[in-house]
Amino acid sequence: MFPLTEENKHVAQLLLNTGTCPRCIFRFCGVDFHAPYKLPYKELLNELQKFLETEKDELILEVMNPPPKKIRLQELEDSIDNLSQNGEGRISVSHVGSTASKNSNLNVCNVCLGILQEFC
């Protein structure tokens, strides 16, 4: 038996979409028995995804996507250009972009910061 109820399905889906690991989703939803926490991460993730799959006839509520990061990067470029014209704070924009791309490749839980992800 899967530890989450239908009442927690929407919350679990939102948490999974934001990058929260299955163990933190269980913690947030109040799962208080230990068996699901002891399963391997990949098995937990597969079971959670199966639980969250919706039927074709079911209405899916879409959450509005946050504004794209491109806007923030353009603002950053503008502020960097202003700083470089004054001769202060020369930072290469390509370095900032490469750091952001490295961070986007990592799948680290935003709640436990990866501590519980590889627990088993």
C-alpha atoms as a PDB file:
ATOM      1  CA  MET A   1       0.000   0.000   0.000  1.00  0.00           C
ATOM      2  CA  PHE A   2       1.283   3.452  -0.941  1.00  0.00           C
ATOM      3  CA  PRO A   3       1.576   5.790   2.063  1.00  0.00           C
ATOM      4  CA  LEU A   4      -0.011   8.870   0.458  1.00  0.00           C
ATOM      5  CA  THR A   5      -3.754   9.426   0.231  1.00  0.00           C
ATOM      6  CA  GLU A   6      -5.789  11.013  -2.542  1.00  0.00           C
ATOM      7  CA  GLU A   7      -6.053  14.143  -0.384  1.00  0.00           C
ATOM      8  CA  ASN A   8      -2.279  14.583  -0.596  1.00  0.00           C
ATOM      9  CA  LYS A   9      -2.074  13.911  -4.332  1.00  0.00           C
ATOM     10  CA  HIS A  10      -2.227  17.544  -5.457  1.00  0.00           C
ATOM     11  CA  VAL A  11       0.285  18.711  -2.851  1.00  0.00           C
ATOM     12  CA  ALA A  12       2.633  15.842  -3.705  1.00  0.00           C
ATOM     13  CA  GLN A  13       2.420  16.722  -7.418  1.00  0.00           C
ATOM     14  CA  LEU A  14       3.284  20.367  -6.734  1.00  0.00           C
ATOM     15  CA  LEU A  15       6.213  19.397  -4.522  1.00  0.00           C
ATOM     16  CA  LEU A  16       7.544  16.925  -7.091  1.00  0.00           C
ATOM     17  CA  ASN A  17       7.290  19.560  -9.848  1.00  0.00           C
ATOM     18  CA  THR A  18       9.377  21.967  -7.777  1.00  0.00           C
ATOM     19  CA  GLY A  19      12.191  19.465  -7.324  1.00  0.00           C
ATOM     20  CA  THR A  20      11.409  18.008  -3.917  1.00  0.00           C
ATOM     21  CA  CYS A  21      12.616  14.438  -3.335  1.00  0.00           C
ATOM     22  CA  PRO A  22      10.104  11.664  -2.486  1.00  0.00           C
ATOM     23  CA  ARG A  23      11.286  11.362   1.126  1.00  0.00           C
ATOM     24  CA  CYS A  24      10.677  15.060   1.761  1.00  0.00           C
ATOM     25  CA  ILE A  25       7.259  14.767   0.093  1.00  0.00           C
ATOM     26  CA  PHE A  26       6.412  11.970   2.537  1.00  0.00           C
ATOM     27  CA  ARG A  27       7.662  14.085   5.447  1.00  0.00           C
ATOM     28  CA  PHE A  28       5.617  17.086   4.311  1.00  0.00           C
ATOM     29  CA  CYS A  29       2.460  14.962   3.871  1.00  0.00           C
ATOM     30  CA  GLY A  30       2.835  13.466   7.342  1.00  0.00           C
ATOM     31  CA  VAL A  31       3.756   9.862   6.540  1.00  0.00           C
ATOM     32  CA  ASP A  32       4.698   8.521   9.953  1.00  0.00           C
ATOM     33  CA  PHE A  33       5.668   4.897   9.341  1.00  0.00           C
ATOM     34  CA  HIS A  34       9.203   4.043   8.304  1.00  0.00           C
ATOM     35  CA  ALA A  35       8.848   1.429   5.547  1.00  0.00           C
ATOM     36  CA  PRO A  36       8.659   3.852   2.575  1.00  0.00           C
ATOM     37  CA  TYR A  37      11.660   5.838   3.810  1.00  0.00           C
ATOM     38  CA  LYS A  38      13.849   2.724   3.686  1.00  0.00           C
ATOM     39  CA  LEU A  39      13.229   2.041  -0.019  1.00  0.00           C
ATOM     40  CA  PRO A  40      15.903   3.075  -2.571  1.00  0.00           C
ATOM     41  CA  TYR A  41      15.519   6.554  -4.066  1.00  0.00           C
ATOM     42  CA  LYS A  42      14.784   5.378  -7.623  1.00  0.00           C
ATOM     43  CA  GLU A  43      12.123   2.947  -6.437  1.00  0.00           C
ATOM     44  CA  LEU A  44      10.490   5.663  -4.330  1.00  0.00           C
ATOM     45  CA  LEU A  45      10.491   8.048  -7.272  1.00  0.00           C
ATOM     46  CA  ASN A  46       8.962   5.450  -9.617  1.00  0.00           C
ATOM     47  CA  GLU A  47       6.238   4.562  -7.097  1.00  0.00           C
ATOM     48  CA  LEU A  48       5.466   8.234  -6.492  1.00  0.00           C
ATOM     49  CA  GLN A  49       5.226   8.950 -10.222  1.00  0.00           C
ATOM     50  CA  LYS A  50       2.881   5.975 -10.699  1.00  0.00           C
ATOM     51  CA  PHE A  51       0.711   7.256  -7.851  1.00  0.00           C
ATOM     52  CA  LEU A  52       0.598  10.760  -9.313  1.00  0.00           C
ATOM     53  CA  GLU A  53      -0.274   9.708 -12.856  1.00  0.00           C
ATOM     54  CA  THR A  54      -3.674  11.057 -13.750  1.00  0.00           C
ATOM     55  CA  GLU A  55      -6.268   9.406 -15.930  1.00  0.00           C
ATOM     56  CA  LYS A  56      -7.016  10.944 -19.315  1.00  0.00           C
ATOM     57  CA  ASP A  57     -10.556  11.899 -18.291  1.00  0.00           C
ATOM     58  CA  GLU A  58      -9.398  13.685 -15.148  1.00  0.00           C
ATOM     59  CA  LEU A  59      -9.067  17.461 -15.243  1.00  0.00           C
ATOM     60  CA  ILE A  60      -5.507  18.639 -14.731  1.00  0.00           C
ATOM     61  CA  LEU A  61      -5.028  22.056 -13.193  1.00  0.00           C
ATOM     62  CA  GLU A  62      -1.970  23.794 -14.581  1.00  0.00           C
ATOM     63  CA  VAL A  63       0.035  26.054 -12.331  1.00  0.00           C
ATOM     64  CA  MET A  64       1.166  29.234 -13.993  1.00  0.00           C
ATOM     65  CA  ASN A  65       4.856  29.010 -14.826  1.00  0.00           C
ATOM     66  CA  PRO A  66       7.171  31.517 -13.181  1.00  0.00           C
ATOM     67  CA  PRO A  67       8.702  34.194 -15.415  1.00  0.00           C
ATOM     68  CA  PRO A  68      11.648  32.917 -17.436  1.00  0.00           C
ATOM     69  CA  LYS A  69      15.149  33.397 -16.096  1.00  0.00           C
ATOM     70  CA  LYS A  70      16.137  35.059 -19.344  1.00  0.00           C
ATOM     71  CA  ILE A  71      14.553  38.282 -18.114  1.00  0.00           C
ATOM     72  CA  ARG A  72      16.679  38.207 -14.970  1.00  0.00           C
ATOM     73  CA  LEU A  73      19.811  37.538 -17.007  1.00  0.00           C
ATOM     74  CA  GLN A  74      19.040  40.487 -19.274  1.00  0.00           C
ATOM     75  CA  GLU A  75      18.657  42.708 -16.206  1.00  0.00           C
ATOM     76  CA  LEU A  76      21.963  41.328 -14.911  1.00  0.00           C
ATOM     77  CA  GLU A  77      23.658  42.090 -18.249  1.00  0.00           C
ATOM     78  CA  ASP A  78      22.335  45.655 -18.162  1.00  0.00           C
ATOM     79  CA  SER A  79      23.601  46.206 -14.623  1.00  0.00           C
ATOM     80  CA  ILE A  80      26.979  44.699 -15.538  1.00  0.00           C
ATOM     81  CA  ASP A  81      27.242  46.986 -18.563  1.00  0.00           C
ATOM     82  CA  ASN A  82      26.531  49.982 -16.330  1.00  0.00           C
ATOM     83  CA  LEU A  83      29.174  48.884 -13.836  1.00  0.00           C
ATOM     84  CA  SER A  84      31.788  48.264 -16.523  1.00  0.00           C
ATOM     85  CA  GLN A  85      31.245  51.735 -17.977  1.00  0.00           C
ATOM     86  CA  ASN A  86      32.116  53.182 -14.585  1.00  0.00           C
ATOM     87  CA  GLY A  87      35.182  50.986 -14.421  1.00  0.00           C
ATOM     88  CA  GLU A  88      33.991  49.040 -11.405  1.00  0.00           C
ATOM     89  CA  GLY A  89      33.011  45.412 -10.943  1.00  0.00           C
ATOM     90  CA  ARG A  90      33.976  43.848 -14.256  1.00  0.00           C
ATOM     91  CA  ILE A  91      32.299  40.433 -14.347  1.00  0.00           C
ATOM     92  CA  SER A  92      32.061  38.307 -17.455  1.00  0.00           C
ATOM     93  CA  VAL A  93      28.472  37.422 -18.329  1.00  0.00           C
ATOM     94  CA  SER A  94      29.585  34.121 -19.873  1.00  0.00           C
ATOM     95  CA  HIS A  95      30.975  33.014 -16.494  1.00  0.00           C
ATOM     96  CA  VAL A  96      27.653  33.763 -14.784  1.00  0.00           C
ATOM     97  CA  GLY A  97      25.767  31.838 -17.491  1.00  0.00           C
ATOM     98  CA  SER A  98      28.027  28.800 -17.217  1.00  0.00           C
ATOM     99  CA  THR A  99      27.510  28.683 -13.462  1.00  0.00           C
ATOM    100  CA  ALA A 100      23.744  28.740 -13.929  1.00  0.00           C
ATOM    101  CA  SER A 101      23.893  25.922 -16.475  1.00  0.00           C
ATOM    102  CA  LYS A 102      25.998  23.790 -14.118  1.00  0.00           C
ATOM    103  CA  ASN A 103      23.465  24.272 -11.323  1.00  0.00           C
ATOM    104  CA  SER A 104      20.524  23.386 -13.561  1.00  0.00           C
ATOM    105  CA  ASN A 105      22.086  19.990 -14.341  1.00  0.00           C
ATOM    106  CA  LEU A 106      22.043  18.972 -10.668  1.00  0.00           C
ATOM    107  CA  ASN A 107      18.930  17.283  -9.303  1.00  0.00           C
ATOM    108  CA  VAL A 108      19.196  18.272  -5.674  1.00  0.00           C
ATOM    109  CA  CYS A 109      16.113  18.411  -3.477  1.00  0.00           C
ATOM    110  CA  ASN A 110      15.177  21.977  -2.596  1.00  0.00           C
ATOM    111  CA  VAL A 111      14.056  20.967   0.914  1.00  0.00           C
ATOM    112  CA  CYS A 112      16.736  18.636   2.290  1.00  0.00           C
ATOM    113  CA  LEU A 113      19.445  19.802  -0.157  1.00  0.00           C
ATOM    114  CA  GLY A 114      20.150  16.197  -1.148  1.00  0.00           C
ATOM    115  CA  ILE A 115      20.828  14.824   2.327  1.00  0.00           C
ATOM    116  CA  LEU A 116      17.870  12.419   2.259  1.00  0.00           C
ATOM    117  CA  GLN A 117      17.983  11.662  -1.470  1.00  0.00           C
ATOM    118  CA  GLU A 118      20.793   9.124  -1.299  1.00  0.00           C
ATOM    119  CA  PHE A 119      20.013   7.926   2.230  1.00  0.00           C
ATOM    120  CA  CYS A 120      19.849   4.237   1.266  1.00  0.00           C
END
